[in-house]
Amino acid sequence: CGLVNPKVLEACEIDSKEWQGFAFGFGIERMAMIKYGIGDIRLFNENDLRFLRQFQK
């Protein structure tokens, strides 16, 4: 999240002196946090298989 780097705009042939961009998103981890009541997003990146296996189909 944050401002788009002017070089990204220029690579798309957009005048970065005239335009600015704001990047944002709502990742799948955040949706899972809401659905399953998980309080810490870092748990998804710890590679703890006991935690991650809870979300298999």
Protein backbone atom coordinates (compact mmCIF):
# COMPACT_ATOMS: atom_id res chain seq x y z
CA CYS A 1 0.00 0.00 0.00
CA GLY A 2 1.12 3.52 -0.69
CA LEU A 3 1.95 5.82 -3.55
CA VAL A 4 2.86 4.40 -6.95
CA ASN A 5 6.46 5.11 -7.92
CA PRO A 6 6.57 7.66 -10.78
CA LYS A 7 8.77 5.26 -12.78
CA VAL A 8 5.91 2.76 -12.85
CA LEU A 9 3.60 5.36 -14.34
CA GLU A 10 6.21 6.39 -16.88
CA ALA A 11 6.72 2.76 -17.91
CA CYS A 12 3.00 2.74 -18.78
CA GLU A 13 3.44 5.96 -20.77
CA ILE A 14 1.57 8.02 -18.17
CA ASP A 15 2.91 11.50 -17.42
CA SER A 16 4.02 11.28 -13.78
CA LYS A 17 4.08 15.08 -13.52
CA GLU A 18 0.36 15.19 -14.29
CA TRP A 19 -0.81 11.97 -12.61
CA GLN A 20 -0.19 10.17 -9.32
CA GLY A 21 -1.23 6.74 -8.24
CA PHE A 22 -2.22 5.13 -4.96
CA ALA A 23 -1.74 1.40 -4.51
CA PHE A 24 -3.90 -0.56 -2.12
CA GLY A 25 -5.23 -4.03 -1.74
CA PHE A 26 -7.00 -6.48 0.50
CA GLY A 27 -5.02 -9.71 0.47
CA ILE A 28 -6.37 -13.21 0.88
CA GLU A 29 -4.66 -13.45 4.26
CA ARG A 30 -6.70 -10.55 5.59
CA MET A 31 -9.93 -12.18 4.42
CA ALA A 32 -8.91 -15.41 6.16
CA MET A 33 -8.14 -13.44 9.33
CA ILE A 34 -11.67 -12.06 9.37
CA LYS A 35 -13.31 -15.39 8.52
CA TYR A 36 -11.35 -17.47 11.05
CA GLY A 37 -10.78 -14.85 13.77
CA ILE A 38 -6.98 -14.81 13.42
CA GLY A 39 -5.42 -11.88 15.25
CA ASP A 40 -1.89 -11.82 13.79
CA ILE A 41 -1.16 -11.82 10.04
CA ARG A 42 2.44 -12.90 10.69
CA LEU A 43 1.22 -16.43 11.46
CA PHE A 44 0.69 -16.99 7.73
CA ASN A 45 4.38 -16.37 7.00
CA GLU A 46 5.93 -18.48 9.77
CA ASN A 47 5.57 -21.70 7.72
CA ASP A 48 4.18 -23.58 10.72
CA LEU A 49 2.44 -26.51 9.03
CA ARG A 50 0.21 -27.12 12.06
CA PHE A 51 -1.24 -23.65 11.55
CA LEU A 52 -1.35 -23.69 7.75
CA ARG A 53 -2.98 -27.14 7.45
CA GLN A 54 -6.10 -25.78 9.12
CA PHE A 55 -6.92 -24.01 5.85
CA GLN A 56 -6.70 -26.91 3.39
CA LYS A 57 -9.80 -27.96 1.48
